[in-house]
Amino acid sequence: MVDEAASYFHCTDKERAIFEAGIKLGSIYHQYVGVPMNLSNISAIETAITQSVRVQPFVIDAKVSINRAMVKKSTGHYKYVTLKGEMLDVSITIKYNEEEVRAKMRYIESLDYPLMYLEE
């Protein structure tokens, strides 16, 4: 794949792969947090998020999981909740030229924060 935007990036291929991973994780968080859901549509939302990130440039794999226990615990009187960052567990693999990185977003209890970080 020829990257027509390459001339705008003044970094190594590894740095570009890391940049792309951050963009993808950030977009997942900011696009989908707040989506209404309940236990009946979690799989559909996981699939939608996974498929939407897989079509983006340089993504070679993605997996999205939503914590069902948190959804069940949070479901209120009106039978739905909105997706929160701490419910997401996301893994993506980015390949830019020959450089490959794996990045993750998951809730870290000790930080009380849905952290985005590099696995490899």
PDB file of N, CA and C in Angstrom:
ATOM      1  N   MET A   1       0.840  -1.177   0.000  1.00  0.00           N
ATOM      2  CA  MET A   1       0.000   0.000   0.000  1.00  0.00           C
ATOM      3  C   MET A   1       0.889   1.245   0.000  1.00  0.00           C
ATOM      4  N   VAL A   2       0.641   2.127  -0.913  1.00  0.00           N
ATOM      5  CA  VAL A   2       1.381   3.386  -0.975  1.00  0.00           C
ATOM      6  C   VAL A   2       0.679   4.397  -0.064  1.00  0.00           C
ATOM      7  N   ASP A   3       1.448   4.994   0.818  1.00  0.00           N
ATOM      8  CA  ASP A   3       0.893   5.986   1.741  1.00  0.00           C
ATOM      9  C   ASP A   3       1.088   7.373   1.140  1.00  0.00           C
ATOM     10  N   GLU A   4       0.027   7.925   0.589  1.00  0.00           N
ATOM     11  CA  GLU A   4       0.103   9.234  -0.059  1.00  0.00           C
ATOM     12  C   GLU A   4       0.336  10.364   0.933  1.00  0.00           C
ATOM     13  N   ALA A   5       0.128  10.111   2.213  1.00  0.00           N
ATOM     14  CA  ALA A   5       0.320  11.145   3.240  1.00  0.00           C
ATOM     15  C   ALA A   5       1.693  11.067   3.898  1.00  0.00           C
ATOM     16  N   ALA A   6       2.527  10.132   3.490  1.00  0.00           N
ATOM     17  CA  ALA A   6       3.814   9.887   4.156  1.00  0.00           C
ATOM     18  C   ALA A   6       4.687  11.134   4.248  1.00  0.00           C
ATOM     19  N   SER A   7       4.645  11.985   3.253  1.00  0.00           N
ATOM     20  CA  SER A   7       5.512  13.166   3.254  1.00  0.00           C
ATOM     21  C   SER A   7       5.158  14.168   4.355  1.00  0.00           C
ATOM     22  N   TYR A   8       3.985  14.012   4.950  1.00  0.00           N
ATOM     23  CA  TYR A   8       3.570  14.912   6.031  1.00  0.00           C
ATOM     24  C   TYR A   8       4.073  14.453   7.403  1.00  0.00           C
ATOM     25  N   PHE A   9       4.579  13.255   7.458  1.00  0.00           N
ATOM     26  CA  PHE A   9       5.031  12.677   8.724  1.00  0.00           C
ATOM     27  C   PHE A   9       6.554  12.647   8.752  1.00  0.00           C
ATOM     28  N   HIS A  10       7.132  13.292   9.716  1.00  0.00           N
ATOM     29  CA  HIS A  10       8.585  13.354   9.856  1.00  0.00           C
ATOM     30  C   HIS A  10       8.977  12.512  11.061  1.00  0.00           C
ATOM     31  N   CYS A  11       8.865  11.203  10.863  1.00  0.00           N
ATOM     32  CA  CYS A  11       9.125  10.262  11.939  1.00  0.00           C
ATOM     33  C   CYS A  11       9.502   8.907  11.337  1.00  0.00           C
ATOM     34  N   THR A  12       9.887   7.996  12.202  1.00  0.00           N
ATOM     35  CA  THR A  12      10.219   6.642  11.744  1.00  0.00           C
ATOM     36  C   THR A  12       8.933   5.874  11.470  1.00  0.00           C
ATOM     37  N   ASP A  13       9.060   4.751  10.787  1.00  0.00           N
ATOM     38  CA  ASP A  13       7.902   3.899  10.537  1.00  0.00           C
ATOM     39  C   ASP A  13       7.311   3.377  11.846  1.00  0.00           C
ATOM     40  N   LYS A  14       8.138   3.064  12.824  1.00  0.00           N
ATOM     41  CA  LYS A  14       7.660   2.602  14.132  1.00  0.00           C
ATOM     42  C   LYS A  14       6.850   3.708  14.816  1.00  0.00           C
ATOM     43  N   GLU A  15       7.375   4.929  14.783  1.00  0.00           N
ATOM     44  CA  GLU A  15       6.651   6.052  15.379  1.00  0.00           C
ATOM     45  C   GLU A  15       5.315   6.278  14.666  1.00  0.00           C
ATOM     46  N   ARG A  16       5.298   6.107  13.374  1.00  0.00           N
ATOM     47  CA  ARG A  16       4.047   6.269  12.614  1.00  0.00           C
ATOM     48  C   ARG A  16       3.044   5.190  12.996  1.00  0.00           C
ATOM     49  N   ALA A  17       3.511   3.971  13.163  1.00  0.00           N
ATOM     50  CA  ALA A  17       2.613   2.887  13.580  1.00  0.00           C
ATOM     51  C   ALA A  17       2.026   3.184  14.956  1.00  0.00           C
ATOM     52  N   ILE A  18       2.845   3.695  15.862  1.00  0.00           N
ATOM     53  CA  ILE A  18       2.387   4.051  17.205  1.00  0.00           C
ATOM     54  C   ILE A  18       1.370   5.191  17.130  1.00  0.00           C
ATOM     55  N   PHE A  19       1.660   6.187  16.318  1.00  0.00           N
ATOM     56  CA  PHE A  19       0.730   7.305  16.112  1.00  0.00           C
ATOM     57  C   PHE A  19      -0.619   6.782  15.621  1.00  0.00           C
ATOM     58  N   GLU A  20      -0.593   5.924  14.612  1.00  0.00           N
ATOM     59  CA  GLU A  20      -1.834   5.374  14.049  1.00  0.00           C
ATOM     60  C   GLU A  20      -2.610   4.592  15.101  1.00  0.00           C
ATOM     61  N   ALA A  21      -1.922   3.848  15.951  1.00  0.00           N
ATOM     62  CA  ALA A  21      -2.595   3.095  17.016  1.00  0.00           C
ATOM     63  C   ALA A  21      -3.305   4.052  17.968  1.00  0.00           C
ATOM     64  N   GLY A  22      -2.638   5.125  18.346  1.00  0.00           N
ATOM     65  CA  GLY A  22      -3.253   6.108  19.237  1.00  0.00           C
ATOM     66  C   GLY A  22      -4.484   6.755  18.629  1.00  0.00           C
ATOM     67  N   ILE A  23      -4.396   7.080  17.359  1.00  0.00           N
ATOM     68  CA  ILE A  23      -5.540   7.675  16.663  1.00  0.00           C
ATOM     69  C   ILE A  23      -6.727   6.715  16.668  1.00  0.00           C
ATOM     70  N   LYS A  24      -6.465   5.453  16.385  1.00  0.00           N
ATOM     71  CA  LYS A  24      -7.552   4.469  16.323  1.00  0.00           C
ATOM     72  C   LYS A  24      -8.196   4.288  17.694  1.00  0.00           C
ATOM     73  N   LEU A  25      -7.395   4.127  18.749  1.00  0.00           N
ATOM     74  CA  LEU A  25      -7.958   3.941  20.086  1.00  0.00           C
ATOM     75  C   LEU A  25      -8.730   5.174  20.531  1.00  0.00           C
ATOM     76  N   GLY A  26      -8.185   6.356  20.273  1.00  0.00           N
ATOM     77  CA  GLY A  26      -8.879   7.589  20.633  1.00  0.00           C
ATOM     78  C   GLY A  26     -10.205   7.728  19.902  1.00  0.00           C
ATOM     79  N   SER A  27     -10.218   7.339  18.646  1.00  0.00           N
ATOM     80  CA  SER A  27     -11.469   7.457  17.890  1.00  0.00           C
ATOM     81  C   SER A  27     -12.517   6.481  18.409  1.00  0.00           C
ATOM     82  N   ILE A  28     -12.102   5.288  18.789  1.00  0.00           N
ATOM     83  CA  ILE A  28     -13.061   4.334  19.368  1.00  0.00           C
ATOM     84  C   ILE A  28     -13.670   4.926  20.629  1.00  0.00           C
ATOM     85  N   TYR A  29     -12.808   5.417  21.503  1.00  0.00           N
ATOM     86  CA  TYR A  29     -13.300   5.961  22.772  1.00  0.00           C
ATOM     87  C   TYR A  29     -14.285   7.108  22.530  1.00  0.00           C
ATOM     88  N   HIS A  30     -13.904   8.060  21.716  1.00  0.00           N
ATOM     89  CA  HIS A  30     -14.719   9.255  21.562  1.00  0.00           C
ATOM     90  C   HIS A  30     -15.927   9.072  20.647  1.00  0.00           C
ATOM     91  N   GLN A  31     -15.903   8.069  19.796  1.00  0.00           N
ATOM     92  CA  GLN A  31     -17.065   7.806  18.954  1.00  0.00           C
ATOM     93  C   GLN A  31     -18.127   7.004  19.664  1.00  0.00           C
ATOM     94  N   TYR A  32     -17.719   6.059  20.505  1.00  0.00           N
ATOM     95  CA  TYR A  32     -18.677   5.082  21.014  1.00  0.00           C
ATOM     96  C   TYR A  32     -19.073   5.246  22.477  1.00  0.00           C
ATOM     97  N   VAL A  33     -18.275   5.912  23.287  1.00  0.00           N
ATOM     98  CA  VAL A  33     -18.695   6.149  24.666  1.00  0.00           C
ATOM     99  C   VAL A  33     -19.971   6.986  24.625  1.00  0.00           C
ATOM    100  N   GLY A  34     -20.980   6.513  25.321  1.00  0.00           N
ATOM    101  CA  GLY A  34     -22.288   7.173  25.307  1.00  0.00           C
ATOM    102  C   GLY A  34     -23.334   6.437  24.501  1.00  0.00           C
ATOM    103  N   VAL A  35     -22.937   5.393  23.784  1.00  0.00           N
ATOM    104  CA  VAL A  35     -23.898   4.625  22.989  1.00  0.00           C
ATOM    105  C   VAL A  35     -24.862   3.900  23.936  1.00  0.00           C
ATOM    106  N   PRO A  36     -26.172   3.993  23.690  1.00  0.00           N
ATOM    107  CA  PRO A  36     -27.122   3.269  24.528  1.00  0.00           C
ATOM    108  C   PRO A  36     -27.035   1.769  24.273  1.00  0.00           C
ATOM    109  N   MET A  37     -27.111   0.997  25.362  1.00  0.00           N
ATOM    110  CA  MET A  37     -27.017  -0.453  25.200  1.00  0.00           C
ATOM    111  C   MET A  37     -27.619  -1.152  26.397  1.00  0.00           C
ATOM    112  N   ASN A  38     -27.867  -2.440  26.204  1.00  0.00           N
ATOM    113  CA  ASN A  38     -28.212  -3.335  27.295  1.00  0.00           C
ATOM    114  C   ASN A  38     -27.641  -4.706  26.942  1.00  0.00           C
ATOM    115  N   LEU A  39     -27.940  -5.692  27.737  1.00  0.00           N
ATOM    116  CA  LEU A  39     -27.335  -7.005  27.505  1.00  0.00           C
ATOM    117  C   LEU A  39     -27.719  -7.602  26.156  1.00  0.00           C
ATOM    118  N   SER A  40     -28.831  -7.179  25.581  1.00  0.00           N
ATOM    119  CA  SER A  40     -29.289  -7.775  24.321  1.00  0.00           C
ATOM    120  C   SER A  40     -28.520  -7.291  23.093  1.00  0.00           C
ATOM    121  N   ASN A  41     -27.842  -6.129  23.179  1.00  0.00           N
ATOM    122  CA  ASN A  41     -27.178  -5.625  21.978  1.00  0.00           C
ATOM    123  C   ASN A  41     -25.664  -5.464  22.122  1.00  0.00           C
ATOM    124  N   ILE A  42     -25.082  -5.980  23.203  1.00  0.00           N
ATOM    125  CA  ILE A  42     -23.637  -5.839  23.398  1.00  0.00           C
ATOM    126  C   ILE A  42     -22.850  -6.456  22.243  1.00  0.00           C
ATOM    127  N   SER A  43     -23.213  -7.649  21.827  1.00  0.00           N
ATOM    128  CA  SER A  43     -22.472  -8.306  20.735  1.00  0.00           C
ATOM    129  C   SER A  43     -22.511  -7.482  19.458  1.00  0.00           C
ATOM    130  N   ALA A  44     -23.667  -6.896  19.160  1.00  0.00           N
ATOM    131  CA  ALA A  44     -23.794  -6.074  17.958  1.00  0.00           C
ATOM    132  C   ALA A  44     -22.901  -4.837  18.051  1.00  0.00           C
ATOM    133  N   ILE A  45     -22.822  -4.233  19.238  1.00  0.00           N
ATOM    134  CA  ILE A  45     -21.981  -3.048  19.419  1.00  0.00           C
ATOM    135  C   ILE A  45     -20.500  -3.432  19.316  1.00  0.00           C
ATOM    136  N   GLU A  46     -20.123  -4.547  19.931  1.00  0.00           N
ATOM    137  CA  GLU A  46     -18.736  -5.022  19.813  1.00  0.00           C
ATOM    138  C   GLU A  46     -18.362  -5.237  18.350  1.00  0.00           C
ATOM    139  N   THR A  47     -19.253  -5.868  17.608  1.00  0.00           N
ATOM    140  CA  THR A  47     -19.006  -6.118  16.184  1.00  0.00           C
ATOM    141  C   THR A  47     -18.917  -4.812  15.401  1.00  0.00           C
ATOM    142  N   ALA A  48     -19.817  -3.875  15.670  1.00  0.00           N
ATOM    143  CA  ALA A  48     -19.809  -2.594  14.953  1.00  0.00           C
ATOM    144  C   ALA A  48     -18.503  -1.841  15.199  1.00  0.00           C
ATOM    145  N   ILE A  49     -18.062  -1.799  16.460  1.00  0.00           N
ATOM    146  CA  ILE A  49     -16.817  -1.093  16.766  1.00  0.00           C
ATOM    147  C   ILE A  49     -15.637  -1.788  16.096  1.00  0.00           C
ATOM    148  N   THR A  50     -15.592  -3.106  16.216  1.00  0.00           N
ATOM    149  CA  THR A  50     -14.496  -3.878  15.614  1.00  0.00           C
ATOM    150  C   THR A  50     -14.438  -3.661  14.110  1.00  0.00           C
ATOM    151  N   GLN A  51     -15.581  -3.788  13.443  1.00  0.00           N
ATOM    152  CA  GLN A  51     -15.601  -3.648  11.989  1.00  0.00           C
ATOM    153  C   GLN A  51     -15.273  -2.226  11.546  1.00  0.00           C
ATOM    154  N   SER A  52     -15.703  -1.231  12.322  1.00  0.00           N
ATOM    155  CA  SER A  52     -15.415   0.153  11.921  1.00  0.00           C
ATOM    156  C   SER A  52     -13.930   0.468  12.033  1.00  0.00           C
ATOM    157  N   VAL A  53     -13.260  -0.077  13.023  1.00  0.00           N
ATOM    158  CA  VAL A  53     -11.822   0.197  13.151  1.00  0.00           C
ATOM    159  C   VAL A  53     -11.013  -0.634  12.155  1.00  0.00           C
ATOM    160  N   ARG A  54     -11.492  -1.814  11.804  1.00  0.00           N
ATOM    161  CA  ARG A  54     -10.749  -2.675  10.862  1.00  0.00           C
ATOM    162  C   ARG A  54     -10.660  -2.094   9.458  1.00  0.00           C
ATOM    163  N   VAL A  55     -11.587  -1.219   9.078  1.00  0.00           N
ATOM    164  CA  VAL A  55     -11.525  -0.648   7.732  1.00  0.00           C
ATOM    165  C   VAL A  55     -10.581   0.545   7.651  1.00  0.00           C
ATOM    166  N   GLN A  56     -10.081   1.013   8.786  1.00  0.00           N
ATOM    167  CA  GLN A  56      -9.188   2.158   8.786  1.00  0.00           C
ATOM    168  C   GLN A  56      -7.790   1.747   8.308  1.00  0.00           C
ATOM    169  N   PRO A  57      -7.035   2.694   7.743  1.00  0.00           N
ATOM    170  CA  PRO A  57      -5.717   2.369   7.203  1.00  0.00           C
ATOM    171  C   PRO A  57      -4.781   1.771   8.257  1.00  0.00           C
ATOM    172  N   PHE A  58      -4.026   0.779   7.840  1.00  0.00           N
ATOM    173  CA  PHE A  58      -2.936   0.159   8.589  1.00  0.00           C
ATOM    174  C   PHE A  58      -3.379  -0.776   9.702  1.00  0.00           C
ATOM    175  N   VAL A  59      -4.681  -0.970   9.906  1.00  0.00           N
ATOM    176  CA  VAL A  59      -5.166  -1.898  10.927  1.00  0.00           C
ATOM    177  C   VAL A  59      -5.162  -3.301  10.336  1.00  0.00           C
ATOM    178  N   ILE A  60      -4.451  -4.215  11.013  1.00  0.00           N
ATOM    179  CA  ILE A  60      -4.459  -5.593  10.526  1.00  0.00           C
ATOM    180  C   ILE A  60      -5.267  -6.519  11.431  1.00  0.00           C
ATOM    181  N   ASP A  61      -5.570  -6.072  12.652  1.00  0.00           N
ATOM    182  CA  ASP A  61      -6.431  -6.857  13.529  1.00  0.00           C
ATOM    183  C   ASP A  61      -7.015  -5.949  14.610  1.00  0.00           C
ATOM    184  N   ALA A  62      -8.200  -6.307  15.062  1.00  0.00           N
ATOM    185  CA  ALA A  62      -8.855  -5.557  16.141  1.00  0.00           C
ATOM    186  C   ALA A  62      -9.802  -6.487  16.868  1.00  0.00           C
ATOM    187  N   LYS A  63      -9.881  -6.301  18.173  1.00  0.00           N
ATOM    188  CA  LYS A  63     -10.824  -7.071  18.987  1.00  0.00           C
ATOM    189  C   LYS A  63     -11.396  -6.132  20.047  1.00  0.00           C
ATOM    190  N   VAL A  64     -12.719  -6.129  20.166  1.00  0.00           N
ATOM    191  CA  VAL A  64     -13.406  -5.271  21.121  1.00  0.00           C
ATOM    192  C   VAL A  64     -14.283  -6.140  22.010  1.00  0.00           C
ATOM    193  N   SER A  65     -14.158  -5.918  23.296  1.00  0.00           N
ATOM    194  CA  SER A  65     -14.986  -6.632  24.265  1.00  0.00           C
ATOM    195  C   SER A  65     -15.570  -5.613  25.240  1.00  0.00           C
ATOM    196  N   ILE A  66     -16.847  -5.777  25.559  1.00  0.00           N
ATOM    197  CA  ILE A  66     -17.527  -4.917  26.524  1.00  0.00           C
ATOM    198  C   ILE A  66     -17.825  -5.749  27.767  1.00  0.00           C
ATOM    199  N   ASN A  67     -17.487  -5.217  28.915  1.00  0.00           N
ATOM    200  CA  ASN A  67     -17.649  -5.919  30.184  1.00  0.00           C
ATOM    201  C   ASN A  67     -19.138  -6.086  30.505  1.00  0.00           C
ATOM    202  N   ARG A  68     -19.622  -7.296  30.322  1.00  0.00           N
ATOM    203  CA  ARG A  68     -21.044  -7.577  30.521  1.00  0.00           C
ATOM    204  C   ARG A  68     -21.476  -7.448  31.985  1.00  0.00           C
ATOM    205  N   ALA A  69     -20.588  -7.799  32.902  1.00  0.00           N
ATOM    206  CA  ALA A  69     -20.923  -7.687  34.325  1.00  0.00           C
ATOM    207  C   ALA A  69     -21.181  -6.231  34.703  1.00  0.00           C
ATOM    208  N   MET A  70     -20.376  -5.321  34.155  1.00  0.00           N
ATOM    209  CA  MET A  70     -20.580  -3.898  34.443  1.00  0.00           C
ATOM    210  C   MET A  70     -21.901  -3.408  33.845  1.00  0.00           C
ATOM    211  N   VAL A  71     -22.230  -3.909  32.663  1.00  0.00           N
ATOM    212  CA  VAL A  71     -23.492  -3.507  32.028  1.00  0.00           C
ATOM    213  C   VAL A  71     -24.664  -4.019  32.859  1.00  0.00           C
ATOM    214  N   LYS A  72     -24.594  -5.275  33.239  1.00  0.00           N
ATOM    215  CA  LYS A  72     -25.684  -5.868  34.024  1.00  0.00           C
ATOM    216  C   LYS A  72     -25.866  -5.119  35.344  1.00  0.00           C
ATOM    217  N   LYS A  73     -24.762  -4.800  35.995  1.00  0.00           N
ATOM    218  CA  LYS A  73     -24.796  -4.088  37.275  1.00  0.00           C
ATOM    219  C   LYS A  73     -25.367  -2.677  37.120  1.00  0.00           C
ATOM    220  N   SER A  74     -25.127  -2.050  35.971  1.00  0.00           N
ATOM    221  CA  SER A  74     -25.510  -0.658  35.753  1.00  0.00           C
ATOM    222  C   SER A  74     -26.895  -0.482  35.150  1.00  0.00           C
ATOM    223  N   THR A  75     -27.488  -1.559  34.630  1.00  0.00           N
ATOM    224  CA  THR A  75     -28.779  -1.439  33.956  1.00  0.00           C
ATOM    225  C   THR A  75     -29.843  -1.006  34.958  1.00  0.00           C
ATOM    226  N   GLY A  76     -30.499   0.084  34.628  1.00  0.00           N
ATOM    227  CA  GLY A  76     -31.462   0.680  35.540  1.00  0.00           C
ATOM    228  C   GLY A  76     -32.901   0.423  35.156  1.00  0.00           C
ATOM    229  N   HIS A  77     -33.742   1.240  35.696  1.00  0.00           N
ATOM    230  CA  HIS A  77     -35.186   1.127  35.538  1.00  0.00           C
ATOM    231  C   HIS A  77     -35.623   1.101  34.070  1.00  0.00           C
ATOM    232  N   TYR A  78     -34.950   1.877  33.249  1.00  0.00           N
ATOM    233  CA  TYR A  78     -35.351   1.967  31.845  1.00  0.00           C
ATOM    234  C   TYR A  78     -34.680   0.933  30.962  1.00  0.00           C
ATOM    235  N   LYS A  79     -33.967  -0.001  31.572  1.00  0.00           N
ATOM    236  CA  LYS A  79     -33.430  -1.201  30.917  1.00  0.00           C
ATOM    237  C   LYS A  79     -32.288  -0.968  29.942  1.00  0.00           C
ATOM    238  N   TYR A  80     -31.638   0.181  30.044  1.00  0.00           N
ATOM    239  CA  TYR A  80     -30.441   0.367  29.243  1.00  0.00           C
ATOM    240  C   TYR A  80     -29.485   1.277  29.985  1.00  0.00           C
ATOM    241  N   VAL A  81     -28.224   1.232  29.554  1.00  0.00           N
ATOM    242  CA  VAL A  81     -27.182   2.117  30.079  1.00  0.00           C
ATOM    243  C   VAL A  81     -26.457   2.692  28.876  1.00  0.00           C
ATOM    244  N   THR A  82     -25.559   3.613  29.138  1.00  0.00           N
ATOM    245  CA  THR A  82     -24.708   4.085  28.052  1.00  0.00           C
ATOM    246  C   THR A  82     -23.313   3.523  28.253  1.00  0.00           C
ATOM    247  N   LEU A  83     -22.663   3.224  27.150  1.00  0.00           N
ATOM    248  CA  LEU A  83     -21.319   2.670  27.182  1.00  0.00           C
ATOM    249  C   LEU A  83     -20.364   3.655  27.841  1.00  0.00           C
ATOM    250  N   LYS A  84     -19.575   3.142  28.771  1.00  0.00           N
ATOM    251  CA  LYS A  84     -18.566   3.948  29.462  1.00  0.00           C
ATOM    252  C   LYS A  84     -17.195   3.408  29.095  1.00  0.00           C
ATOM    253  N   GLY A  85     -16.194   4.267  29.149  1.00  0.00           N
ATOM    254  CA  GLY A  85     -14.830   3.862  28.809  1.00  0.00           C
ATOM    255  C   GLY A  85     -14.337   2.692  29.630  1.00  0.00           C
ATOM    256  N   GLU A  86     -14.752   2.645  30.904  1.00  0.00           N
ATOM    257  CA  GLU A  86     -14.280   1.555  31.757  1.00  0.00           C
ATOM    258  C   GLU A  86     -14.899   0.201  31.409  1.00  0.00           C
ATOM    259  N   MET A  87     -15.886   0.183  30.531  1.00  0.00           N
ATOM    260  CA  MET A  87     -16.494  -1.071  30.085  1.00  0.00           C
ATOM    261  C   MET A  87     -15.758  -1.679  28.894  1.00  0.00           C
ATOM    262  N   LEU A  88     -14.879  -0.906  28.258  1.00  0.00           N
ATOM    263  CA  LEU A  88     -14.221  -1.337  27.027  1.00  0.00           C
ATOM    264  C   LEU A  88     -12.901  -2.054  27.275  1.00  0.00           C
ATOM    265  N   ASP A  89     -12.681  -3.093  26.504  1.00  0.00           N
ATOM    266  CA  ASP A  89     -11.387  -3.781  26.441  1.00  0.00           C
ATOM    267  C   ASP A  89     -11.099  -3.940  24.944  1.00  0.00           C
ATOM    268  N   VAL A  90     -10.128  -3.187  24.444  1.00  0.00           N
ATOM    269  CA  VAL A  90      -9.858  -3.128  23.011  1.00  0.00           C
ATOM    270  C   VAL A  90      -8.397  -3.476  22.752  1.00  0.00           C
ATOM    271  N   SER A  91      -8.174  -4.335  21.764  1.00  0.00           N
ATOM    272  CA  SER A  91      -6.817  -4.636  21.300  1.00  0.00           C
ATOM    273  C   SER A  91      -6.779  -4.382  19.800  1.00  0.00           C
ATOM    274  N   ILE A  92      -5.746  -3.681  19.346  1.00  0.00           N
ATOM    275  CA  ILE A  92      -5.582  -3.468  17.906  1.00  0.00           C
ATOM    276  C   ILE A  92      -4.136  -3.730  17.519  1.00  0.00           C
ATOM    277  N   THR A  93      -3.974  -4.187  16.284  1.00  0.00           N
ATOM    278  CA  THR A  93      -2.648  -4.385  15.709  1.00  0.00           C
ATOM    279  C   THR A  93      -2.550  -3.502  14.479  1.00  0.00           C
ATOM    280  N   ILE A  94      -1.495  -2.706  14.448  1.00  0.00           N
ATOM    281  CA  ILE A  94      -1.243  -1.775  13.347  1.00  0.00           C
ATOM    282  C   ILE A  94       0.045  -2.193  12.664  1.00  0.00           C
ATOM    283  N   LYS A  95       0.040  -2.161  11.337  1.00  0.00           N
ATOM    284  CA  LYS A  95       1.267  -2.415  10.579  1.00  0.00           C
ATOM    285  C   LYS A  95       1.491  -1.255   9.619  1.00  0.00           C
ATOM    286  N   TYR A  96       2.633  -0.620   9.783  1.00  0.00           N
ATOM    287  CA  TYR A  96       3.016   0.458   8.880  1.00  0.00           C
ATOM    288  C   TYR A  96       4.341   0.056   8.246  1.00  0.00           C
ATOM    289  N   ASN A  97       4.325  -0.150   6.939  1.00  0.00           N
ATOM    290  CA  ASN A  97       5.454  -0.729   6.211  1.00  0.00           C
ATOM    291  C   ASN A  97       5.835  -2.025   6.917  1.00  0.00           C
ATOM    292  N   GLU A  98       7.044  -2.138   7.426  1.00  0.00           N
ATOM    293  CA  GLU A  98       7.462  -3.387   8.077  1.00  0.00           C
ATOM    294  C   GLU A  98       7.322  -3.343   9.599  1.00  0.00           C
ATOM    295  N   GLU A  99       6.853  -2.232  10.134  1.00  0.00           N
ATOM    296  CA  GLU A  99       6.745  -2.083  11.592  1.00  0.00           C
ATOM    297  C   GLU A  99       5.332  -2.435  12.060  1.00  0.00           C
ATOM    298  N   GLU A 100       5.250  -3.249  13.090  1.00  0.00           N
ATOM    299  CA  GLU A 100       3.972  -3.686  13.627  1.00  0.00           C
ATOM    300  C   GLU A 100       3.933  -3.381  15.127  1.00  0.00           C
ATOM    301  N   VAL A 101       2.811  -2.836  15.583  1.00  0.00           N
ATOM    302  CA  VAL A 101       2.621  -2.559  17.009  1.00  0.00           C
ATOM    303  C   VAL A 101       1.254  -3.088  17.444  1.00  0.00           C
ATOM    304  N   ARG A 102       1.201  -3.482  18.713  1.00  0.00           N
ATOM    305  CA  ARG A 102      -0.071  -3.881  19.323  1.00  0.00           C
ATOM    306  C   ARG A 102      -0.374  -2.889  20.428  1.00  0.00           C
ATOM    307  N   ALA A 103      -1.576  -2.364  20.386  1.00  0.00           N
ATOM    308  CA  ALA A 103      -1.997  -1.379  21.379  1.00  0.00           C
ATOM    309  C   ALA A 103      -3.276  -1.853  22.042  1.00  0.00           C
ATOM    310  N   LYS A 104      -3.518  -1.314  23.218  1.00  0.00           N
ATOM    311  CA  LYS A 104      -4.642  -1.767  24.023  1.00  0.00           C
ATOM    312  C   LYS A 104      -5.299  -0.588  24.722  1.00  0.00           C
ATOM    313  N   MET A 105      -6.577  -0.717  24.952  1.00  0.00           N
ATOM    314  CA  MET A 105      -7.309   0.184  25.821  1.00  0.00           C
ATOM    315  C   MET A 105      -8.104  -0.701  26.767  1.00  0.00           C
ATOM    316  N   ARG A 106      -7.884  -0.510  28.066  1.00  0.00           N
ATOM    317  CA  ARG A 106      -8.673  -1.246  29.048  1.00  0.00           C
ATOM    318  C   ARG A 106      -8.673  -0.489  30.362  1.00  0.00           C
ATOM    319  N   TYR A 107      -9.681  -0.765  31.145  1.00  0.00           N
ATOM    320  CA  TYR A 107      -9.816  -0.110  32.436  1.00  0.00           C
ATOM    321  C   TYR A 107      -8.796  -0.701  33.399  1.00  0.00           C
ATOM    322  N   ILE A 108      -8.008   0.169  34.013  1.00  0.00           N
ATOM    323  CA  ILE A 108      -7.022  -0.237  35.014  1.00  0.00           C
ATOM    324  C   ILE A 108      -7.580   0.210  36.367  1.00  0.00           C
ATOM    325  N   GLU A 109      -7.990  -0.745  37.164  1.00  0.00           N
ATOM    326  CA  GLU A 109      -8.662  -0.432  38.425  1.00  0.00           C
ATOM    327  C   GLU A 109      -7.803   0.418  39.349  1.00  0.00           C
ATOM    328  N   SER A 110      -6.500   0.106  39.456  1.00  0.00           N
ATOM    329  CA  SER A 110      -5.641   0.869  40.372  1.00  0.00           C
ATOM    330  C   SER A 110      -5.493   2.328  39.947  1.00  0.00           C
ATOM    331  N   LEU A 111      -5.685   2.607  38.664  1.00  0.00           N
ATOM    332  CA  LEU A 111      -5.638   3.978  38.161  1.00  0.00           C
ATOM    333  C   LEU A 111      -7.024   4.615  38.090  1.00  0.00           C
ATOM    334  N   ASP A 112      -8.059   3.777  38.184  1.00  0.00           N
ATOM    335  CA  ASP A 112      -9.443   4.209  37.987  1.00  0.00           C
ATOM    336  C   ASP A 112      -9.572   4.963  36.668  1.00  0.00           C
ATOM    337  N   TYR A 113      -9.042   4.304  35.609  1.00  0.00           N
ATOM    338  CA  TYR A 113      -8.933   4.990  34.324  1.00  0.00           C
ATOM    339  C   TYR A 113      -8.887   3.982  33.174  1.00  0.00           C
ATOM    340  N   PRO A 114      -9.581   4.264  32.062  1.00  0.00           N
ATOM    341  CA  PRO A 114      -9.475   3.414  30.867  1.00  0.00           C
ATOM    342  C   PRO A 114      -8.203   3.808  30.094  1.00  0.00           C
ATOM    343  N   LEU A 115      -7.124   3.106  30.357  1.00  0.00           N
ATOM    344  CA  LEU A 115      -5.802   3.469  29.834  1.00  0.00           C
ATOM    345  C   LEU A 115      -5.588   2.946  28.413  1.00  0.00           C
ATOM    346  N   MET A 116      -4.989   3.777  27.571  1.00  0.00           N
ATOM    347  CA  MET A 116      -4.553   3.380  26.235  1.00  0.00           C
ATOM    348  C   MET A 116      -3.031   3.258  26.292  1.00  0.00           C
ATOM    349  N   TYR A 117      -2.500   2.105  25.838  1.00  0.00           N
ATOM    350  CA  TYR A 117      -1.067   1.868  25.938  1.00  0.00           C
ATOM    351  C   TYR A 117      -0.595   0.880  24.893  1.00  0.00           C
ATOM    352  N   LEU A 118       0.721   0.792  24.723  1.00  0.00           N
ATOM    353  CA  LEU A 118       1.311  -0.163  23.788  1.00  0.00           C
ATOM    354  C   LEU A 118       1.588  -1.474  24.504  1.00  0.00           C
ATOM    355  N   GLU A 119       1.163  -2.557  23.884  1.00  0.00           N
ATOM    356  CA  GLU A 119       1.486  -3.887  24.419  1.00  0.00           C
ATOM    357  C   GLU A 119       2.832  -4.350  23.896  1.00  0.00           C
ATOM    358  N   GLU A 120       3.074  -4.097  22.632  1.00  0.00           N
ATOM    359  CA  GLU A 120       4.325  -4.486  21.977  1.00  0.00           C
ATOM    360  C   GLU A 120       4.775  -3.395  21.040  1.00  0.00           C
TER     361      GLU A 120
END
